[in-house]
Amino acid sequence: MRRWAKQLASLVVLATAACPRRSPGPQPAGGEPELRIGLAVGLANASIGGPEGGELFVSEAASGLAVGSVPVGVRWVVLPDSADPSRLRLVRPDSTRTEALRGIAVVNVTESRFVVANGRRYRGRINITSSRAGLTVVNRVTVESYIAGVVGPEIGARRPDEMAAVLAQAVVSRSFAIKNRGRWEAFGFDAYADTRDQVYLGVAVESEQAWDAVRRTAGQVLKYQGDVIDAYFHSTCGFSTAGIDEAFATVQNRPYLRPVSDSRGGDHYYCDISPRFRWREEWDASKLRAILSRTLPNVTPLSGDGLQRITDVTVSRTTKSGRVGELRIVFERGDIRIPGPDVRSVLRPDADRLLSSAAFQLTVTKAGGQVTRLVAAGAGSGHAVGMCQWGAIGRARAGQDYRAILNTYFPGTKIERLY
């Protein structure tokens, strides 16, 4: 067992040091950070290995002791230990199980292959831990490899004349990741792999274009007065970005996150190429009542007799950038005022879908003293803070480079190489 453990330890060191990239470029000068990406939380079970995966070596996370190896293409199942939910067990294809383990660390040692977790390929290594809430799966990966798996899902595959927008996305995504390291420390990772942070899908979504953007901007981040910024971004601003105070009630103002016009002159905007540049939503009386009955209790207590008849809905205040700063919903007895940052989650088109943006105008139809039809005509998609992705694409088409794009959406900032 000791001899096997030594062999495994040396292989793990080699595997950790050598994760081949699909489109390798010059390495950063040194000090590239590692990120912990939360791929899944609270799972009843997970898996490691499988098709397209390399040979995996597994060790116990807490002690570092060798557990075994998963052959190429073979899948093992991970389950919480029934006797102690803080530990887990591995189930082999022949149904035999390992002893209870205090978490596992998984690394690939096959050249040009990757570690596979829950059927998806990742660079770096995988850590899995267990608690009463279930299994947590974390990918430990270098920043540049992470960005290569983020750029595509966040801004999509772009035309050659739109490459400046992809470069801008790489810098913004890197800045966001670095700034928010440790954000989810209570869960044991730095970022979720979804829209709570940035969409990260591993090796499957990497492309030559994404790696080109990573290579050309390696280590570059946005800074303001020497600090890495809060690099927010969104799909479509519609006409102007928003100040951070317009979208997030609990966040302090940032001088570089203020309204920026997206006009390109002549009543045209850089983001007017977006499919969500303009939109329209409609509610009849029953749908409006059903939606508000579900969403209003999340932001304000309702009276004991529930939702009264809705007699009017108005925009009672607008923000500096022209968005809804307060929504007033009038009932038979009294009214409720919804602050701007909550408007999208309250006035939902459907129970499971946020309103596209807070930039809209209302048309109200009434009959018998109550609202029978409500129409919102709006602009843009997302919170509108920071970089407008479709605006960046439009600016790239117009010949702006990524530095000009970033300096526009984050005024007063500088692009600096962090490592």
Protein backbone atom coordinates (compact mmCIF):
# COMPACT_ATOMS: atom_id res chain seq x y z
CA MET A 1 0.00 0.00 0.00
CA ARG A 2 2.82 2.39 0.81
CA ARG A 3 4.53 1.73 -2.53
CA TRP A 4 1.24 2.33 -4.39
CA ALA A 5 0.67 5.54 -2.45
CA LYS A 6 4.12 6.87 -3.43
CA GLN A 7 3.51 6.06 -7.09
CA LEU A 8 0.13 7.73 -6.98
CA ALA A 9 1.47 10.83 -5.24
CA SER A 10 4.13 11.32 -7.91
CA LEU A 11 1.59 10.87 -10.69
CA VAL A 12 -0.79 13.36 -9.10
CA VAL A 13 2.01 15.96 -8.91
CA LEU A 14 2.82 15.42 -12.58
CA ALA A 15 -0.83 15.61 -13.59
CA THR A 16 -1.45 18.78 -11.67
CA ALA A 17 1.57 20.43 -13.28
CA ALA A 18 0.70 19.39 -16.83
CA CYS A 19 -2.82 20.19 -18.02
CA PRO A 20 -2.52 20.50 -21.81
CA ARG A 21 -4.49 23.31 -23.48
CA ARG A 22 -6.27 23.01 -26.78
CA SER A 23 -4.78 26.29 -27.99
CA PRO A 24 -1.68 26.91 -25.87
CA GLY A 25 -0.20 30.37 -25.77
CA PRO A 26 2.52 32.12 -23.82
CA GLN A 27 2.21 31.49 -20.11
CA PRO A 28 1.75 34.40 -17.68
CA ALA A 29 4.92 35.72 -16.11
CA GLY A 30 4.11 33.94 -12.86
CA GLY A 31 1.69 33.89 -9.99
CA GLU A 32 -1.44 32.92 -11.93
CA PRO A 33 -4.10 32.29 -9.28
CA GLU A 34 -6.23 29.19 -8.97
CA LEU A 35 -10.00 29.38 -8.66
CA ARG A 36 -12.45 27.03 -6.98
CA ILE A 37 -15.60 26.78 -9.09
CA GLY A 38 -18.72 25.32 -7.50
CA LEU A 39 -20.11 23.02 -10.19
CA ALA A 40 -22.91 21.59 -8.04
CA VAL A 41 -24.16 21.88 -4.47
CA GLY A 42 -26.50 19.60 -2.54
CA LEU A 43 -26.39 16.59 -4.87
CA ALA A 44 -27.74 13.21 -3.80
CA ASN A 45 -25.02 11.56 -5.91
CA ALA A 46 -22.26 12.44 -8.38
CA SER A 47 -19.95 10.66 -10.78
CA ILE A 48 -16.32 10.78 -11.84
CA GLY A 49 -14.87 9.38 -15.04
CA GLY A 50 -16.68 8.16 -18.12
CA PRO A 51 -16.54 8.62 -21.92
CA GLU A 52 -13.84 11.02 -23.19
CA GLY A 53 -12.22 11.08 -19.78
CA GLY A 54 -8.64 10.14 -19.00
CA GLU A 55 -7.29 7.86 -16.31
CA LEU A 56 -8.16 9.43 -12.98
CA PHE A 57 -6.33 9.12 -9.70
CA VAL A 58 -8.27 9.63 -6.51
CA SER A 59 -7.02 10.59 -3.07
CA GLU A 60 -8.80 11.45 0.15
CA ALA A 61 -9.11 15.22 0.32
CA ALA A 62 -8.57 15.55 4.06
CA SER A 63 -5.51 13.29 4.41
CA GLY A 64 -4.08 13.14 0.89
CA LEU A 65 -3.90 9.35 1.11
CA ALA A 66 -4.32 7.39 -2.11
CA VAL A 67 -7.72 5.80 -2.75
CA GLY A 68 -7.28 4.27 -6.21
CA SER A 69 -7.45 4.88 -9.94
CA VAL A 70 -10.38 5.10 -12.34
CA PRO A 71 -9.46 3.56 -15.72
CA VAL A 72 -9.95 5.48 -18.95
CA GLY A 73 -13.63 5.66 -19.91
CA VAL A 74 -14.84 4.06 -16.68
CA ARG A 75 -17.37 5.78 -14.42
CA TRP A 76 -17.48 5.61 -10.62
CA VAL A 77 -20.41 6.88 -8.55
CA VAL A 78 -20.01 9.07 -5.48
CA LEU A 79 -22.53 8.80 -2.63
CA PRO A 80 -22.79 10.35 0.85
CA ASP A 81 -22.04 7.81 3.55
CA SER A 82 -25.31 6.62 5.07
CA ALA A 83 -23.84 6.50 8.57
CA ASP A 84 -21.95 9.80 8.48
CA PRO A 85 -23.14 12.45 5.98
CA SER A 86 -19.85 14.37 6.41
CA ARG A 87 -18.12 11.49 4.61
CA LEU A 88 -18.65 9.84 1.24
CA ARG A 89 -18.04 6.55 -0.53
CA LEU A 90 -17.10 5.63 -4.08
CA VAL A 91 -19.03 2.89 -5.86
CA ARG A 92 -17.13 0.99 -8.56
CA PRO A 93 -18.79 -0.56 -11.65
CA ASP A 94 -18.79 -3.96 -9.92
CA SER A 95 -20.81 -2.38 -7.05
CA THR A 96 -17.99 -2.65 -4.52
CA ARG A 97 -17.52 0.39 -2.34
CA THR A 98 -14.58 2.18 -0.81
CA GLU A 99 -14.37 2.91 2.87
CA ALA A 100 -15.93 6.16 4.10
CA LEU A 101 -13.78 9.11 3.01
CA ARG A 102 -13.47 12.71 4.17
CA GLY A 103 -13.92 14.09 0.68
CA ILE A 104 -11.97 13.21 -2.47
CA ALA A 105 -9.55 14.95 -4.83
CA VAL A 106 -9.57 13.72 -8.44
CA VAL A 107 -6.90 14.41 -11.07
CA ASN A 108 -6.42 13.26 -14.68
CA VAL A 109 -3.03 11.79 -15.70
CA THR A 110 -3.72 10.86 -19.33
CA GLU A 111 -2.15 13.18 -21.89
CA SER A 112 -4.66 15.23 -23.88
CA ARG A 113 -7.52 14.00 -21.69
CA PHE A 114 -9.37 15.64 -18.85
CA VAL A 115 -11.00 14.94 -15.54
CA VAL A 116 -14.71 14.15 -15.97
CA ALA A 117 -17.30 14.98 -13.32
CA ASN A 118 -21.01 14.37 -13.80
CA GLY A 119 -20.38 13.67 -17.48
CA ARG A 120 -18.59 16.95 -18.25
CA ARG A 121 -14.86 17.47 -18.94
CA TYR A 122 -12.79 19.95 -16.94
CA ARG A 123 -9.22 21.12 -16.73
CA GLY A 124 -7.48 21.16 -13.37
CA ARG A 125 -8.84 18.84 -10.72
CA ILE A 126 -12.10 17.99 -9.01
CA ASN A 127 -12.83 18.02 -5.29
CA ILE A 128 -15.99 16.44 -3.89
CA THR A 129 -17.10 16.81 -0.28
CA SER A 130 -20.20 15.71 1.61
CA SER A 131 -22.44 17.31 4.22
CA ARG A 132 -26.00 16.96 5.49
CA ALA A 133 -27.10 19.06 2.51
CA GLY A 134 -25.57 16.58 0.03
CA LEU A 135 -22.48 16.50 -2.17
CA THR A 136 -20.57 19.58 -3.30
CA VAL A 137 -18.53 19.30 -6.51
CA VAL A 138 -15.74 21.84 -7.04
CA ASN A 139 -13.37 22.33 -9.97
CA ARG A 140 -9.98 23.74 -8.96
CA VAL A 141 -8.65 25.40 -12.09
CA THR A 142 -6.24 28.18 -13.09
CA VAL A 143 -7.78 31.54 -13.96
CA GLU A 144 -6.87 31.41 -17.67
CA SER A 145 -8.36 27.94 -18.14
CA TYR A 146 -11.48 29.10 -16.32
CA ILE A 147 -11.84 32.14 -18.59
CA ALA A 148 -11.52 29.87 -21.66
CA GLY A 149 -14.61 28.00 -20.40
CA VAL A 150 -16.52 31.23 -19.65
CA VAL A 151 -16.02 33.48 -22.69
CA GLY A 152 -18.04 31.35 -25.13
CA PRO A 153 -21.11 30.80 -22.93
CA GLU A 154 -21.16 34.46 -21.90
CA ILE A 155 -20.77 36.27 -25.25
CA GLY A 156 -21.18 33.48 -27.81
CA ALA A 157 -19.18 32.67 -30.94
CA ARG A 158 -18.50 35.92 -32.76
CA ARG A 159 -17.55 37.00 -36.29
CA PRO A 160 -13.97 38.09 -37.02
CA ASP A 161 -15.00 41.75 -37.06
CA GLU A 162 -16.47 41.30 -33.57
CA MET A 163 -13.30 39.93 -31.97
CA ALA A 164 -12.71 43.11 -29.96
CA ALA A 165 -15.88 42.31 -28.00
CA VAL A 166 -14.56 38.82 -27.19
CA LEU A 167 -11.29 40.32 -25.93
CA ALA A 168 -13.28 42.79 -23.82
CA GLN A 169 -15.34 39.92 -22.39
CA ALA A 170 -12.17 38.02 -21.45
CA VAL A 171 -10.81 41.01 -19.51
CA VAL A 172 -14.15 41.67 -17.83
CA SER A 173 -14.67 38.02 -16.90
CA ARG A 174 -11.14 37.75 -15.53
CA SER A 175 -11.59 40.93 -13.49
CA PHE A 176 -14.91 39.70 -12.11
CA ALA A 177 -13.42 36.35 -11.13
CA ILE A 178 -10.37 37.83 -9.42
CA LYS A 179 -12.41 40.47 -7.58
CA ASN A 180 -14.86 37.91 -6.24
CA ARG A 181 -12.47 35.22 -5.03
CA GLY A 182 -13.74 33.93 -1.69
CA ARG A 183 -17.25 35.25 -2.27
CA TRP A 184 -18.76 31.85 -1.44
CA GLU A 185 -16.16 30.78 1.11
CA ALA A 186 -18.85 29.37 3.40
CA PHE A 187 -19.54 26.76 0.72
CA GLY A 188 -15.88 26.05 0.04
CA PHE A 189 -15.51 27.72 -3.35
CA ASP A 190 -15.01 31.08 -5.07
CA ALA A 191 -17.72 31.15 -7.74
CA TYR A 192 -20.78 29.28 -8.92
CA ALA A 193 -20.65 27.89 -12.45
CA ASP A 194 -23.91 29.63 -13.41
CA THR A 195 -25.50 33.07 -13.61
CA ARG A 196 -25.00 33.70 -9.90
CA ASP A 197 -21.46 34.46 -11.06
CA GLN A 198 -20.49 33.51 -14.63
CA VAL A 199 -21.62 30.61 -16.81
CA TYR A 200 -18.75 28.09 -16.89
CA LEU A 201 -19.13 24.84 -18.82
CA GLY A 202 -15.61 23.44 -18.94
CA VAL A 203 -13.73 22.04 -21.90
CA ALA A 204 -16.77 21.33 -24.10
CA VAL A 205 -17.37 25.03 -24.78
CA GLU A 206 -13.75 26.04 -25.32
CA SER A 207 -12.90 27.20 -28.82
CA GLU A 208 -9.95 28.56 -30.77
CA GLN A 209 -11.59 31.97 -30.57
CA ALA A 210 -11.94 31.78 -26.78
CA TRP A 211 -8.33 30.67 -26.32
CA ASP A 212 -7.17 33.40 -28.69
CA ALA A 213 -8.92 35.97 -26.50
CA VAL A 214 -7.43 34.41 -23.35
CA ARG A 215 -3.93 34.36 -24.84
CA ARG A 216 -4.05 37.94 -26.15
CA THR A 217 -5.29 39.35 -22.84
CA ALA A 218 -3.43 36.97 -20.48
CA GLY A 219 -3.43 38.29 -16.93
CA GLN A 220 -5.13 41.57 -17.86
CA VAL A 221 -7.68 43.05 -15.47
CA LEU A 222 -9.47 46.35 -15.04
CA LYS A 223 -8.34 48.51 -12.13
CA TYR A 224 -9.57 51.72 -10.55
CA GLN A 225 -7.18 53.61 -8.29
CA GLY A 226 -5.02 50.50 -8.01
CA ASP A 227 -7.74 47.98 -7.16
CA VAL A 228 -9.38 45.37 -9.39
CA ILE A 229 -12.89 46.60 -10.13
CA ASP A 230 -16.34 45.08 -9.76
CA ALA A 231 -16.62 44.24 -13.44
CA TYR A 232 -20.35 43.86 -13.99
CA PHE A 233 -21.74 43.07 -17.44
CA HIS A 234 -25.12 42.38 -19.00
CA SER A 235 -26.71 41.48 -22.32
CA THR A 236 -28.29 44.67 -23.69
CA CYS A 237 -28.54 48.16 -22.19
CA GLY A 238 -31.13 49.37 -24.72
CA PHE A 239 -29.91 52.98 -24.88
CA SER A 240 -27.71 53.61 -21.83
CA THR A 241 -26.09 51.60 -19.10
CA ALA A 242 -27.25 52.14 -15.51
CA GLY A 243 -25.54 53.26 -12.35
CA ILE A 244 -24.95 50.45 -9.91
CA ASP A 245 -27.28 52.05 -7.35
CA GLU A 246 -30.13 51.75 -9.87
CA ALA A 247 -29.87 47.96 -10.02
CA PHE A 248 -28.53 46.81 -6.65
CA ALA A 249 -29.95 48.38 -3.51
CA THR A 250 -27.28 47.07 -1.13
CA VAL A 251 -24.19 47.85 -3.22
CA GLN A 252 -22.16 51.00 -2.66
CA ASN A 253 -21.69 53.43 -5.53
CA ARG A 254 -18.70 52.93 -7.80
CA PRO A 255 -17.45 55.94 -9.82
CA TYR A 256 -16.72 53.66 -12.79
CA LEU A 257 -20.23 52.11 -12.72
CA ARG A 258 -22.31 55.08 -13.79
CA PRO A 259 -24.70 55.60 -16.71
CA VAL A 260 -22.98 55.54 -20.11
CA SER A 261 -24.83 56.34 -23.32
CA ASP A 262 -24.78 53.67 -26.01
CA SER A 263 -25.75 56.10 -28.77
CA ARG A 264 -23.89 55.96 -32.06
CA GLY A 265 -25.72 58.99 -33.45
CA GLY A 266 -28.80 59.52 -35.55
CA ASP A 267 -31.17 57.83 -33.08
CA HIS A 268 -29.19 54.59 -33.41
CA TYR A 269 -27.46 52.60 -30.67
CA TYR A 270 -24.54 50.19 -30.68
CA CYS A 271 -26.70 47.49 -29.06
CA ASP A 272 -29.66 47.83 -31.45
CA ILE A 273 -28.45 44.60 -33.10
CA SER A 274 -29.57 42.69 -30.00
CA PRO A 275 -32.69 40.49 -30.27
CA ARG A 276 -33.76 42.01 -26.92
CA PHE A 277 -33.12 45.63 -27.90
CA ARG A 278 -36.88 46.28 -27.70
CA TRP A 279 -39.54 44.07 -26.13
CA ARG A 280 -43.18 43.99 -25.06
CA GLU A 281 -44.96 42.12 -22.26
CA GLU A 282 -48.68 41.96 -21.49
CA TRP A 283 -50.80 40.88 -18.52
CA ASP A 284 -54.56 40.51 -18.32
CA ALA A 285 -56.32 40.95 -14.98
CA SER A 286 -56.12 37.32 -13.88
CA LYS A 287 -52.47 36.86 -14.89
CA LEU A 288 -51.42 40.11 -13.20
CA ARG A 289 -53.19 39.11 -10.03
CA ALA A 290 -51.67 35.62 -10.07
CA ILE A 291 -48.14 36.96 -10.62
CA LEU A 292 -48.33 39.66 -7.94
CA SER A 293 -49.87 37.22 -5.44
CA ARG A 294 -46.67 35.18 -5.73
CA THR A 295 -44.07 37.93 -5.99
CA LEU A 296 -45.24 40.73 -3.68
CA PRO A 297 -44.90 38.73 -0.43
CA ASN A 298 -41.16 38.42 -1.19
CA VAL A 299 -40.67 42.19 -0.90
CA THR A 300 -43.51 43.43 1.31
CA PRO A 301 -46.12 41.89 3.64
CA LEU A 302 -49.67 41.73 2.34
CA SER A 303 -52.74 42.48 4.42
CA GLY A 304 -54.50 39.64 6.15
CA ASP A 305 -57.20 39.40 3.50
CA GLY A 306 -54.66 38.82 0.74
CA LEU A 307 -54.31 40.70 -2.53
CA GLN A 308 -57.00 43.35 -2.99
CA ARG A 309 -58.36 44.45 -6.34
CA ILE A 310 -55.68 46.22 -8.41
CA THR A 311 -56.92 49.65 -9.45
CA ASP A 312 -53.76 51.10 -11.04
CA VAL A 313 -50.08 50.45 -11.80
CA THR A 314 -47.82 53.43 -12.46
CA VAL A 315 -44.15 54.38 -12.69
CA SER A 316 -43.82 56.81 -9.78
CA ARG A 317 -40.11 57.58 -10.16
CA THR A 318 -37.41 57.16 -12.81
CA THR A 319 -33.65 56.92 -12.38
CA LYS A 320 -30.79 58.97 -13.82
CA SER A 321 -30.52 56.65 -16.79
CA GLY A 322 -34.29 56.69 -17.43
CA ARG A 323 -35.21 53.36 -15.84
CA VAL A 324 -38.01 52.62 -13.42
CA GLY A 325 -36.84 53.77 -10.00
CA GLU A 326 -40.14 53.01 -8.26
CA LEU A 327 -43.28 51.16 -9.29
CA ARG A 328 -46.56 52.05 -7.59
CA ILE A 329 -49.26 49.40 -7.39
CA VAL A 330 -52.60 50.84 -6.26
CA PHE A 331 -55.29 48.77 -4.54
CA GLU A 332 -58.81 49.52 -3.33
CA ARG A 333 -57.37 50.46 0.05
CA GLY A 334 -53.87 51.86 -0.17
CA ASP A 335 -50.87 51.20 -2.39
CA ILE A 336 -47.48 49.48 -2.45
CA ARG A 337 -44.32 51.08 -3.79
CA ILE A 338 -41.70 48.74 -5.26
CA PRO A 339 -38.12 50.08 -5.38
CA GLY A 340 -36.31 49.89 -8.72
CA PRO A 341 -33.96 46.99 -7.86
CA ASP A 342 -37.02 44.80 -7.06
CA VAL A 343 -39.21 45.74 -10.03
CA ARG A 344 -37.98 42.99 -12.37
CA SER A 345 -38.61 40.25 -9.82
CA VAL A 346 -42.08 41.56 -8.88
CA LEU A 347 -43.57 42.43 -12.28
CA ARG A 348 -42.67 39.11 -13.89
CA PRO A 349 -44.00 38.07 -17.32
CA ASP A 350 -44.21 34.51 -15.97
CA ALA A 351 -43.68 33.02 -12.55
CA ASP A 352 -40.26 31.61 -13.50
CA ARG A 353 -39.00 34.53 -15.64
CA LEU A 354 -37.71 37.96 -14.65
CA LEU A 355 -38.83 41.03 -16.56
CA SER A 356 -36.19 41.68 -19.22
CA SER A 357 -35.14 45.04 -17.81
CA ALA A 358 -36.24 47.96 -15.65
CA ALA A 359 -36.35 50.26 -18.70
CA PHE A 360 -40.00 50.30 -19.74
CA GLN A 361 -43.16 52.36 -20.09
CA LEU A 362 -46.61 51.19 -19.01
CA THR A 363 -49.99 51.30 -20.68
CA VAL A 364 -52.91 50.56 -18.36
CA THR A 365 -56.45 49.59 -19.38
CA LYS A 366 -59.19 49.76 -16.73
CA ALA A 367 -62.83 48.69 -16.47
CA GLY A 368 -65.13 48.63 -13.49
CA GLY A 369 -62.60 50.39 -11.32
CA GLN A 370 -59.82 47.83 -11.75
CA VAL A 371 -56.91 47.07 -14.08
CA THR A 372 -57.98 44.71 -16.87
CA ARG A 373 -54.87 44.90 -19.01
CA LEU A 374 -51.28 46.02 -18.42
CA VAL A 375 -48.67 46.40 -21.18
CA ALA A 376 -44.98 47.11 -20.66
CA ALA A 377 -42.96 48.32 -23.65
CA GLY A 378 -39.30 48.06 -22.78
CA ALA A 379 -35.69 48.25 -23.84
CA GLY A 380 -32.72 46.01 -23.22
CA SER A 381 -32.05 42.87 -21.22
CA GLY A 382 -30.37 42.49 -17.86
CA HIS A 383 -29.44 44.77 -14.97
CA ALA A 384 -27.72 47.25 -17.36
CA VAL A 385 -24.69 47.84 -15.12
CA GLY A 386 -21.17 47.87 -16.60
CA MET A 387 -20.40 46.44 -20.02
CA CYS A 388 -23.27 46.04 -22.47
CA GLN A 389 -22.32 42.87 -24.37
CA TRP A 390 -24.36 43.64 -27.51
CA GLY A 391 -23.10 47.20 -27.32
CA ALA A 392 -19.53 45.87 -27.20
CA ILE A 393 -20.28 43.76 -30.28
CA GLY A 394 -21.69 46.80 -32.09
CA ARG A 395 -18.67 48.88 -31.11
CA ALA A 396 -16.33 46.14 -32.35
CA ARG A 397 -18.13 46.14 -35.70
CA ALA A 398 -17.62 49.91 -35.81
CA GLY A 399 -13.86 49.43 -35.45
CA GLN A 400 -13.32 50.13 -31.74
CA ASP A 401 -10.65 47.99 -30.07
CA TYR A 402 -11.22 46.23 -26.77
CA ARG A 403 -9.39 48.87 -24.76
CA ALA A 404 -11.64 51.63 -26.12
CA ILE A 405 -14.71 49.50 -25.44
CA LEU A 406 -13.71 48.87 -21.83
CA ASN A 407 -12.69 52.46 -21.19
CA THR A 408 -16.13 53.54 -22.40
CA TYR A 409 -18.18 51.20 -20.24
CA PHE A 410 -15.91 51.53 -17.18
CA PRO A 411 -14.88 55.23 -17.23
CA GLY A 412 -11.77 56.09 -15.26
CA THR A 413 -10.39 52.54 -15.15
CA LYS A 414 -7.10 51.18 -16.48
CA ILE A 415 -6.23 47.83 -18.03
CA GLU A 416 -3.25 46.34 -16.19
CA ARG A 417 -1.55 42.96 -16.25
CA LEU A 418 -1.96 41.32 -12.86
CA TYR A 419 0.38 38.36 -13.38
